[in-house]
């Protein structure tokens, strides 16, 4: 049994908007056996642009039932049914949210007629309900009203059920939404006419559509099955081939399956999922290289749906110097003002660099004056409130003060200044190499284990592809080295 459902709502986000109309057609695989539709009072004003689209006004829903008043009927009608809709994620997400607000977990198998149409009616210029119905000869009466759209979806679904791989004549001028409404038999199951068993091909097509209902409309199960179960970076492309998202994983297949298993609810997340038209990838072998390359690609491509790590310029940083008395000074400044020395950590601007340094001063009990955060000829402010031990006045020995400076530096830099991380390659005869010199990330590369040998840091530097050093990659490497990884870390003095 199938419950073909269409909703009208106050907007596109289930977490914020509410349902204004619901229509349900119960289909037994051959014909419609029951129909239900009603307006609903959403408990909030209907936006003007929604009224323009649907024709549903605040006056029309003022005396309509609230959702909780029809919730039991919806549960009973759809019990044991596959939830069918055109772009099923939208309607299903709204109903799940309404039921969740009532403390009820509404769960049904789902089937998307957009996906089923793409599978059984390939080559259509558009798979929106209005244009698809127009192109294959299904009159759509009452567009953007729940009963009208549900009736058209029911006719479309009925057509799809009758299609085999050999059938190409889709347009049946005698089948209309009115025919569907006329086919409703709300009496008893015994009154149904005997029908033929569905063909195996039809059953297989429907079962596949149910199985893949969570996939983006433009992604096929074959594309997902072809994904590698290895570490690397993957790219989601839109219909124009543009990269709209970059991700990484130690198992690309499983990670993308997790992407598509998410029950997207917001309008932006639904747009993201529906925009995915192709998937490409690049294997890295090493998890660390996957993390670093993902960060680089996000900065290079700036994909629409990647929010983190998009910034590619880090003009400020934290630096270190030692004065004539032997005190180590941490201070912030512009990266391009320090051509000789590299920052201990690169940051996006001087405001954030200053805030970062204030945090370290407080955490490690450092001197504001020696960190250039308090301009004075005498004692810093923290000394006056007993938070500084007097390094600003020479009252604390440099050796004691510098210990805390080193602890602060260790909290945001690498344990060793120069090192190489040697990890798993893309094949058994290959290794990945990540090089850090004097606290600065240089890049990564691949070496053949049978032919490559190295004794000096310079040997490793020759085989890596250079990539930019920045706060993001520094954090990636530091965090990775703190995990229980199996890579070899080779340290150079």
Protein backbone atom coordinates (compact mmCIF):
# COMPACT_ATOMS: atom_id res chain seq x y z
CA UNK A 1 0.00 0.00 0.00
CA UNK A 2 1.15 3.52 -0.78
CA UNK A 3 0.20 6.82 0.85
CA UNK A 4 0.66 9.55 -1.75
CA UNK A 5 0.96 12.80 0.14
CA UNK A 6 1.28 16.49 -0.59
CA UNK A 7 1.55 19.36 1.88
CA UNK A 8 1.28 23.11 1.71
CA UNK A 9 3.26 25.02 4.32
CA UNK A 10 4.05 28.51 5.58
CA UNK A 11 7.61 28.18 4.28
CA UNK A 12 10.42 25.81 3.42
CA UNK A 13 11.99 25.00 6.82
CA UNK A 14 10.38 22.26 8.96
CA UNK A 15 12.12 23.56 12.07
CA UNK A 16 10.43 26.96 11.71
CA UNK A 17 7.42 26.66 9.42
CA UNK A 18 4.11 24.80 9.77
CA UNK A 19 1.68 22.86 7.59
CA UNK A 20 -1.36 24.69 6.18
CA UNK A 21 -2.90 21.87 4.11
CA UNK A 22 -2.51 18.11 3.76
CA UNK A 23 -3.82 15.66 1.16
CA UNK A 24 -3.40 11.87 1.27
CA UNK A 25 -4.32 9.37 -1.43
CA UNK A 26 -4.11 5.69 -0.44
CA UNK A 27 -3.11 3.55 -3.43
CA UNK A 28 -3.10 -0.25 -3.32
CA UNK A 29 -0.68 -0.61 -6.23
CA UNK A 30 -3.47 -0.60 -8.80
CA UNK A 31 -5.96 2.07 -7.85
CA UNK A 32 -6.82 4.71 -5.24
CA UNK A 33 -8.84 3.22 -2.41
CA UNK A 34 -9.15 6.19 -0.07
CA UNK A 35 -8.68 9.96 -0.06
CA UNK A 36 -8.29 12.52 2.70
CA UNK A 37 -7.57 16.24 2.56
CA UNK A 38 -7.98 19.20 4.86
CA UNK A 39 -6.75 22.69 5.54
CA UNK A 40 -4.84 23.10 8.81
CA UNK A 41 -4.51 26.06 11.12
CA UNK A 42 -0.72 26.61 11.41
CA UNK A 43 -1.07 28.78 14.50
CA UNK A 44 0.81 31.64 12.84
CA UNK A 45 0.28 34.13 10.00
CA UNK A 46 0.78 32.87 6.46
CA UNK A 47 3.41 34.98 4.64
CA UNK A 48 2.10 37.07 1.76
CA UNK A 49 4.28 35.37 -0.85
CA UNK A 50 2.97 31.96 0.29
CA UNK A 51 -0.60 33.18 -0.11
CA UNK A 52 0.29 34.42 -3.59
CA UNK A 53 1.70 30.99 -4.45
CA UNK A 54 -0.99 28.74 -2.93
CA UNK A 55 -4.05 30.98 -2.62
CA UNK A 56 -4.38 29.90 1.03
CA UNK A 57 -5.16 32.88 3.30
CA UNK A 58 -5.28 33.39 7.04
CA UNK A 59 -9.08 33.61 6.83
CA UNK A 60 -9.28 30.20 5.14
CA UNK A 61 -7.37 28.43 7.93
CA UNK A 62 -8.72 30.38 10.91
CA UNK A 63 -11.40 27.77 11.70
CA UNK A 64 -9.48 24.81 10.27
CA UNK A 65 -8.31 22.03 12.64
CA UNK A 66 -4.90 22.19 14.28
CA UNK A 67 -2.41 19.48 13.35
CA UNK A 68 -2.86 17.61 16.62
CA UNK A 69 -6.57 17.23 15.82
CA UNK A 70 -5.85 15.23 12.62
CA UNK A 71 -2.59 13.58 13.69
CA UNK A 72 -4.25 10.30 14.71
CA UNK A 73 -6.09 10.06 11.40
CA UNK A 74 -2.85 10.60 9.46
CA UNK A 75 -1.12 7.87 11.48
CA UNK A 76 -3.98 5.42 10.90
CA UNK A 77 -4.29 6.23 7.18
CA UNK A 78 -0.58 5.77 6.49
CA UNK A 79 0.02 2.79 8.80
CA UNK A 80 1.74 0.03 6.81
CA UNK A 81 2.04 2.27 3.75
CA UNK A 82 5.04 3.54 1.83
CA UNK A 83 5.15 7.34 2.10
CA UNK A 84 5.15 8.66 -1.50
CA UNK A 85 5.65 12.28 -2.55
CA UNK A 86 7.21 14.38 -5.28
CA UNK A 87 10.48 15.40 -3.57
CA UNK A 88 9.59 13.19 -0.62
CA UNK A 89 12.21 14.65 1.74
CA UNK A 90 10.29 17.92 1.95
CA UNK A 91 6.87 16.49 2.86
CA UNK A 92 8.24 13.70 5.05
CA UNK A 93 10.44 16.10 7.03
CA UNK A 94 7.50 18.41 7.75
CA UNK A 95 5.28 15.59 8.99
CA UNK A 96 8.06 14.11 11.12
CA UNK A 97 8.64 17.51 12.73
CA UNK A 98 4.93 18.06 13.44
CA UNK A 99 4.68 14.64 15.07
CA UNK A 100 7.94 15.17 16.98
CA UNK A 101 6.44 18.33 18.49
CA UNK A 102 3.65 16.09 19.80
CA UNK A 103 6.18 13.65 21.27
CA UNK A 104 5.55 10.99 18.61
CA UNK A 105 8.16 9.36 16.36
CA UNK A 106 6.54 9.17 12.92
CA UNK A 107 8.45 6.72 10.73
CA UNK A 108 7.58 5.30 7.30
CA UNK A 109 9.44 3.91 4.34
CA UNK A 110 9.66 6.63 1.70
CA UNK A 111 9.53 6.75 -2.08
CA UNK A 112 10.27 9.82 -4.19
CA UNK A 113 8.44 10.18 -7.51
CA UNK A 114 11.15 12.57 -8.68
CA UNK A 115 13.74 9.79 -8.37
CA UNK A 116 11.39 7.14 -9.76
CA UNK A 117 10.60 9.40 -12.72
CA UNK A 118 14.28 9.96 -13.45
CA UNK A 119 14.76 6.20 -13.46
CA UNK A 120 11.73 5.24 -15.58
CA UNK A 121 11.28 8.38 -17.71
CA UNK A 122 14.84 9.47 -18.51
CA UNK A 123 15.70 12.50 -20.60
CA UNK A 124 12.97 14.89 -19.43
CA UNK A 125 13.97 18.59 -19.48
CA UNK A 126 12.59 19.05 -15.96
CA UNK A 127 11.33 16.80 -13.19
CA UNK A 128 9.40 19.42 -11.25
CA UNK A 129 5.82 18.27 -10.81
CA UNK A 130 4.27 20.98 -12.97
CA UNK A 131 6.63 20.67 -15.93
CA UNK A 132 6.82 16.88 -15.80
CA UNK A 133 3.03 16.55 -15.80
CA UNK A 134 2.84 18.99 -18.70
CA UNK A 135 5.46 17.12 -20.72
CA UNK A 136 3.91 13.67 -20.32
CA UNK A 137 0.28 14.71 -20.64
CA UNK A 138 -1.05 14.79 -17.09
CA UNK A 139 -3.35 17.78 -16.51
CA UNK A 140 -2.58 19.40 -13.18
CA UNK A 141 -5.63 21.06 -11.68
CA UNK A 142 -5.26 23.08 -8.49
CA UNK A 143 -1.51 23.63 -8.67
CA UNK A 144 0.12 24.41 -5.33
CA UNK A 145 -2.90 23.11 -3.44
CA UNK A 146 -2.44 19.85 -1.59
CA UNK A 147 -5.35 17.95 -3.16
CA UNK A 148 -4.51 19.07 -6.70
CA UNK A 149 -0.81 18.28 -6.44
CA UNK A 150 -1.47 14.98 -4.65
CA UNK A 151 -3.98 13.94 -7.33
CA UNK A 152 -1.48 14.71 -10.10
CA UNK A 153 1.27 12.89 -8.21
CA UNK A 154 -1.08 9.91 -7.89
CA UNK A 155 -1.66 9.80 -11.65
CA UNK A 156 2.08 10.12 -12.21
CA UNK A 157 2.73 7.33 -9.71
CA UNK A 158 0.13 5.13 -11.38
CA UNK A 159 1.80 5.70 -14.75
CA UNK A 160 5.20 4.87 -13.30
CA UNK A 161 3.87 1.62 -11.85
CA UNK A 162 2.70 0.55 -15.30
CA UNK A 163 5.96 1.29 -17.05
CA UNK A 164 8.33 -1.56 -17.93
CA UNK A 165 11.77 -1.08 -19.41
CA UNK A 166 10.36 -1.75 -22.85
CA UNK A 167 7.46 0.69 -22.61
CA UNK A 168 8.14 4.21 -23.91
CA UNK A 169 4.67 5.56 -24.62
CA UNK A 170 4.03 7.53 -21.45
CA UNK A 171 1.26 9.90 -22.44
CA UNK A 172 -2.25 8.52 -21.84
CA UNK A 173 -4.73 11.27 -22.70
CA UNK A 174 -7.52 9.49 -20.80
CA UNK A 175 -5.73 9.57 -17.43
CA UNK A 176 -6.31 12.78 -15.48
CA UNK A 177 -6.46 13.83 -11.87
CA UNK A 178 -10.24 13.75 -12.20
CA UNK A 179 -10.03 10.06 -13.17
CA UNK A 180 -7.99 9.46 -10.04
CA UNK A 181 -10.59 11.12 -7.84
CA UNK A 182 -13.32 9.11 -9.52
CA UNK A 183 -11.41 5.91 -8.79
CA UNK A 184 -11.64 6.46 -5.06
CA UNK A 185 -13.47 3.65 -3.29
CA UNK A 186 -13.81 4.50 0.38
CA UNK A 187 -16.14 1.61 1.27
CA UNK A 188 -14.42 -1.71 1.92
CA UNK A 189 -11.54 -3.67 0.43
CA UNK A 190 -13.97 -6.37 -0.68
CA UNK A 191 -15.41 -3.96 -3.18
CA UNK A 192 -12.19 -3.73 -5.20
CA UNK A 193 -11.96 -5.19 -8.65
CA UNK A 194 -9.58 -8.11 -9.12
CA UNK A 195 -6.35 -6.99 -10.73
CA UNK A 196 -3.31 -8.59 -12.28
CA UNK A 197 -0.16 -9.08 -10.23
CA UNK A 198 2.44 -6.35 -10.81
CA UNK A 199 5.29 -7.23 -13.13
CA UNK A 200 8.65 -8.14 -11.57
CA UNK A 201 10.25 -5.16 -13.32
CA UNK A 202 7.70 -2.81 -11.82
CA UNK A 203 8.21 -4.26 -8.36
CA UNK A 204 11.98 -4.00 -8.74
CA UNK A 205 11.74 -0.37 -9.85
CA UNK A 206 9.56 0.58 -6.89
CA UNK A 207 11.73 -1.33 -4.42
CA UNK A 208 14.83 0.40 -5.79
CA UNK A 209 13.13 3.78 -5.49
CA UNK A 210 12.27 3.05 -1.84
CA UNK A 211 15.80 1.85 -1.16
CA UNK A 212 17.39 4.96 -2.68
CA UNK A 213 14.83 7.52 -1.50
CA UNK A 214 17.48 9.27 0.60
CA UNK A 215 19.87 9.79 -2.32
CA UNK A 216 19.95 13.19 -4.03
CA UNK A 217 17.61 13.18 -7.06
CA UNK A 218 20.47 13.43 -9.56
CA UNK A 219 22.67 10.72 -8.00
CA UNK A 220 22.19 7.10 -9.00
CA UNK A 221 22.82 4.02 -6.84
CA UNK A 222 25.47 3.00 -9.38
CA UNK A 223 27.42 6.19 -8.67
CA UNK A 224 27.36 5.48 -4.95
CA UNK A 225 28.32 1.83 -5.44
CA UNK A 226 31.37 2.94 -7.46
CA UNK A 227 32.77 5.05 -4.60
CA UNK A 228 36.07 3.77 -3.14
CA UNK A 229 36.24 2.50 0.42
CA UNK A 230 39.59 4.22 0.92
CA UNK A 231 40.96 7.45 2.36
CA UNK A 232 40.82 10.58 0.26
CA UNK A 233 39.10 13.81 -0.67
CA UNK A 234 35.72 13.86 -2.45
CA UNK A 235 33.92 16.57 -4.41
CA UNK A 236 30.20 17.20 -4.93
CA UNK A 237 29.43 18.91 -8.26
CA UNK A 238 26.27 20.67 -9.45
CA UNK A 239 24.71 20.26 -12.91
CA UNK A 240 27.17 22.79 -14.36
CA UNK A 241 30.10 20.73 -13.06
CA UNK A 242 31.05 23.30 -10.42
CA UNK A 243 32.38 22.01 -7.10
CA UNK A 244 29.83 22.92 -4.41
CA UNK A 245 31.32 20.91 -1.52
CA UNK A 246 34.64 19.31 -0.61
CA UNK A 247 34.97 16.64 2.07
CA UNK A 248 37.44 14.03 3.29
CA UNK A 249 37.27 10.62 4.93
CA UNK A 250 39.27 7.50 5.65
CA UNK A 251 36.43 5.67 3.82
CA UNK A 252 34.87 7.80 1.10
CA UNK A 253 32.03 5.34 0.41
CA UNK A 254 30.88 5.19 4.04
CA UNK A 255 31.20 8.95 4.56
CA UNK A 256 29.08 9.80 1.53
CA UNK A 257 26.51 7.20 2.58
CA UNK A 258 26.31 9.08 5.88
CA UNK A 259 25.84 12.37 3.99
CA UNK A 260 22.85 10.97 2.14
CA UNK A 261 21.34 9.22 5.15
CA UNK A 262 20.84 12.56 6.90
CA UNK A 263 17.21 13.67 7.10
CA UNK A 264 17.79 17.22 5.84
CA UNK A 265 15.22 19.66 7.17
CA UNK A 266 16.23 23.24 6.45
CA UNK A 267 15.70 24.84 3.07
CA UNK A 268 19.43 25.39 2.55
CA UNK A 269 20.33 21.79 3.38
CA UNK A 270 17.61 20.50 1.05
CA UNK A 271 18.92 22.80 -1.70
CA UNK A 272 22.41 21.44 -1.07
CA UNK A 273 21.31 17.83 -1.38
CA UNK A 274 19.18 18.46 -4.46
CA UNK A 275 22.05 20.34 -6.14
CA UNK A 276 24.42 17.36 -6.11
CA UNK A 277 24.68 15.98 -9.65
CA UNK A 278 28.07 14.25 -9.65
CA UNK A 279 30.72 12.95 -7.28
CA UNK A 280 34.46 12.79 -7.94
CA UNK A 281 37.31 11.97 -5.62
CA UNK A 282 41.07 11.83 -5.19
CA UNK A 283 42.67 9.11 -3.09
CA UNK A 284 45.34 10.11 -0.58
CA UNK A 285 46.15 6.89 1.28
CA UNK A 286 46.95 8.78 4.48
CA UNK A 287 44.26 10.26 6.72
CA UNK A 288 46.55 13.19 7.55
CA UNK A 289 47.11 13.97 3.87
CA UNK A 290 43.34 13.79 3.31
CA UNK A 291 42.83 16.37 6.07
CA UNK A 292 45.53 18.67 4.70
CA UNK A 293 44.45 18.37 1.08
CA UNK A 294 40.80 18.99 1.96
CA UNK A 295 41.81 22.20 3.72
CA UNK A 296 43.86 23.28 0.70
CA UNK A 297 41.05 22.51 -1.77
CA UNK A 298 38.45 24.39 0.28
CA UNK A 299 40.68 27.46 0.28
CA UNK A 300 41.42 27.09 -3.44
CA UNK A 301 37.89 26.39 -4.68
CA UNK A 302 35.83 28.13 -1.95
CA UNK A 303 32.83 25.81 -2.50
CA UNK A 304 29.38 27.23 -1.84
CA UNK A 305 28.49 24.77 0.92
CA UNK A 306 31.80 24.67 2.80
CA UNK A 307 31.77 27.16 5.64
CA UNK A 308 34.89 26.24 7.61
CA UNK A 309 38.46 26.74 6.38
CA UNK A 310 37.50 28.95 3.43
CA UNK A 311 39.87 31.77 4.42
CA UNK A 312 43.10 31.51 2.46
CA UNK A 313 44.93 34.64 3.70
CA UNK A 314 46.44 34.80 7.19
CA UNK A 315 48.15 38.20 7.40
CA UNK A 316 48.69 38.24 11.19
CA UNK A 317 50.52 36.01 13.61
CA UNK A 318 52.17 35.41 16.97
CA UNK A 319 55.97 35.89 17.06
CA UNK A 320 58.81 35.28 19.54
CA UNK A 321 61.91 37.29 20.40
CA UNK A 322 64.38 37.33 23.29
CA UNK A 323 65.56 40.59 24.90
CA UNK A 324 69.00 41.48 26.26
CA UNK A 325 68.08 40.32 29.77
CA UNK A 326 67.16 36.87 28.44
CA UNK A 327 63.35 37.19 28.73
CA UNK A 328 61.34 35.63 25.91
CA UNK A 329 58.67 37.91 24.49
CA UNK A 330 55.56 36.64 22.75
CA UNK A 331 53.98 39.36 20.65
CA UNK A 332 51.51 39.75 17.77
CA UNK A 333 51.98 41.56 14.47
CA UNK A 334 51.53 41.55 10.74
CA UNK A 335 53.05 38.56 8.97
CA UNK A 336 54.35 40.67 6.08
CA UNK A 337 56.28 42.89 8.53
CA UNK A 338 58.43 39.91 9.49
CA UNK A 339 60.11 38.74 6.34
CA UNK A 340 62.97 37.11 8.25
CA UNK A 341 61.08 35.23 10.97
CA UNK A 342 57.94 33.12 10.49
CA UNK A 343 55.02 33.39 12.90
CA UNK A 344 54.63 30.66 15.51
CA UNK A 345 51.01 30.57 14.44
CA UNK A 346 49.27 32.42 11.60
CA UNK A 347 45.93 34.11 12.26
CA UNK A 348 43.29 35.81 10.16
CA UNK A 349 43.77 39.36 11.46
CA UNK A 350 45.53 41.36 14.18
CA UNK A 351 42.39 41.69 16.27
CA UNK A 352 42.16 37.90 16.58
CA UNK A 353 45.91 37.67 17.12
CA UNK A 354 45.67 40.13 20.01
CA UNK A 355 42.78 38.23 21.55
CA UNK A 356 44.64 34.95 21.11
CA UNK A 357 47.66 36.37 22.93
CA UNK A 358 45.56 37.79 25.78
CA UNK A 359 44.12 34.29 26.28
CA UNK A 360 47.60 32.73 26.51
CA UNK A 361 48.81 35.44 28.90
CA UNK A 362 45.92 34.70 31.27
CA UNK A 363 46.20 30.91 30.99
CA UNK A 364 49.96 30.69 31.51
CA UNK A 365 50.37 33.66 33.86
CA UNK A 366 52.59 35.62 31.49
CA UNK A 367 53.48 39.30 31.68
CA UNK A 368 51.32 41.69 29.65
CA UNK A 369 54.20 44.13 29.27
CA UNK A 370 56.59 41.49 27.90
CA UNK A 371 53.87 40.42 25.47
CA UNK A 372 53.42 44.01 24.20
CA UNK A 373 49.86 44.09 25.50
CA UNK A 374 50.46 46.79 28.15
CA UNK A 375 52.56 49.80 27.22
CA UNK A 376 54.34 51.17 30.30
CA UNK A 377 57.78 52.07 31.65
CA UNK A 378 57.02 50.39 34.96
CA UNK A 379 55.03 47.37 36.09
CA UNK A 380 52.23 45.91 34.00
CA UNK A 381 48.61 45.98 35.18
CA UNK A 382 48.60 42.27 36.08
CA UNK A 383 51.50 42.83 38.52
CA UNK A 384 49.41 45.42 40.33
CA UNK A 385 46.58 42.87 40.80
CA UNK A 386 49.04 40.07 41.70
CA UNK A 387 48.63 38.05 38.48
CA UNK A 388 52.14 38.80 37.15
CA UNK A 389 55.17 37.58 39.10
CA UNK A 390 57.22 40.67 38.29
CA UNK A 391 59.08 39.79 35.08
CA UNK A 392 58.23 43.30 33.89
CA UNK A 393 60.35 44.68 36.77
CA UNK A 394 63.05 42.05 36.62
CA UNK A 395 61.78 40.51 39.88
CA UNK A 396 61.25 37.06 38.34
CA UNK A 397 64.25 35.23 36.93
CA UNK A 398 64.22 34.86 33.11
CA UNK A 399 64.66 31.09 33.44
CA UNK A 400 61.48 30.75 35.51
CA UNK A 401 59.43 33.08 33.33
CA UNK A 402 60.65 31.47 30.10
CA UNK A 403 59.43 28.06 31.26
CA UNK A 404 55.86 29.34 31.17
CA UNK A 405 56.47 30.99 27.79
CA UNK A 406 57.60 27.62 26.41
CA UNK A 407 54.51 25.95 27.89
CA UNK A 408 52.35 28.54 26.17
CA UNK A 409 54.15 27.99 22.86
CA UNK A 410 53.78 24.21 23.17
CA UNK A 411 50.02 24.65 23.54
CA UNK A 412 49.71 25.97 19.98
CA UNK A 413 52.83 24.73 18.16
CA UNK A 414 54.40 21.39 17.38
CA UNK A 415 56.31 19.39 19.95
CA UNK A 416 59.36 19.39 17.66
CA UNK A 417 60.52 22.14 15.33
CA UNK A 418 61.42 20.03 12.27
CA UNK A 419 59.96 16.62 11.52
CA UNK A 420 58.50 14.38 8.83
CA UNK A 421 55.31 12.32 9.15
CA UNK A 422 55.51 9.13 7.06
CA UNK A 423 52.18 7.43 6.54
CA UNK A 424 50.21 5.00 4.44
CA UNK A 425 50.25 5.51 0.68
CA UNK A 426 47.70 4.83 -2.02
CA UNK A 427 49.28 1.43 -2.75
CA UNK A 428 51.26 -1.11 -0.73
CA UNK A 429 54.52 0.10 -2.32
CA UNK A 430 53.92 3.77 -1.57
CA UNK A 431 54.21 6.05 1.47
CA UNK A 432 53.00 9.58 2.12
CA UNK A 433 55.38 12.22 3.45
CA UNK A 434 54.35 15.41 5.31
CA UNK A 435 57.20 17.83 6.02
CA UNK A 436 57.40 20.50 8.74
CA UNK A 437 60.60 22.60 9.00
CA UNK A 438 61.26 25.07 11.83
CA UNK A 439 57.60 24.87 12.80
CA UNK A 440 56.45 25.68 9.27
CA UNK A 441 54.40 23.24 7.18
CA UNK A 442 56.00 22.82 3.75
CA UNK A 443 53.69 20.33 2.03
CA UNK A 444 53.22 16.62 1.31
CA UNK A 445 54.22 14.10 -1.34
CA UNK A 446 54.39 10.41 -2.22
CA UNK A 447 57.44 8.14 -2.38
CA UNK A 448 58.10 4.67 -3.74
CA UNK A 449 59.24 2.52 -0.82
CA UNK A 450 61.44 0.38 -3.09
CA UNK A 451 63.45 3.22 -4.62
CA UNK A 452 63.36 6.14 -2.18
CA UNK A 453 65.80 6.55 0.68
CA UNK A 454 66.47 9.62 2.78
CA UNK A 455 68.76 10.56 5.64
CA UNK A 456 68.41 14.33 5.76
CA UNK A 457 65.41 16.63 5.94
CA UNK A 458 66.52 18.07 2.61
CA UNK A 459 65.91 14.69 0.97
CA UNK A 460 62.27 14.78 2.02
CA UNK A 461 61.87 18.43 1.07
CA UNK A 462 62.81 17.61 -2.52
CA UNK A 463 59.88 15.23 -3.08
CA UNK A 464 56.99 17.15 -1.53
CA UNK A 465 54.57 19.42 -3.36
CA UNK A 466 54.59 22.79 -1.62
CA UNK A 467 51.40 24.02 0.05
CA UNK A 468 50.68 27.13 2.10
CA UNK A 469 51.22 27.11 5.84
CA UNK A 470 48.42 28.61 7.94
CA UNK A 471 46.55 28.30 11.21
CA UNK A 472 44.21 25.63 9.88
CA UNK A 473 46.91 23.20 8.72
CA UNK A 474 48.92 23.81 11.89
CA UNK A 475 45.90 22.82 13.94
CA UNK A 476 45.22 19.80 11.71
CA UNK A 477 48.78 18.47 12.15
CA UNK A 478 48.88 19.13 15.90
CA UNK A 479 45.56 17.42 16.52
CA UNK A 480 46.44 14.48 14.29
CA UNK A 481 49.74 13.87 16.06
CA UNK A 482 47.86 13.72 19.37
CA UNK A 483 45.64 10.88 18.12
CA UNK A 484 46.52 7.18 18.20
CA UNK A 485 47.80 7.21 14.64
CA UNK A 486 50.07 4.55 13.13
CA UNK A 487 52.28 6.92 11.13
CA UNK A 488 56.02 7.21 11.71
CA UNK A 489 57.30 10.60 12.90
CA UNK A 490 60.95 11.24 12.01
CA UNK A 491 62.46 14.13 14.02
CA UNK A 492 65.33 16.34 12.80
CA UNK A 493 67.45 18.60 15.00
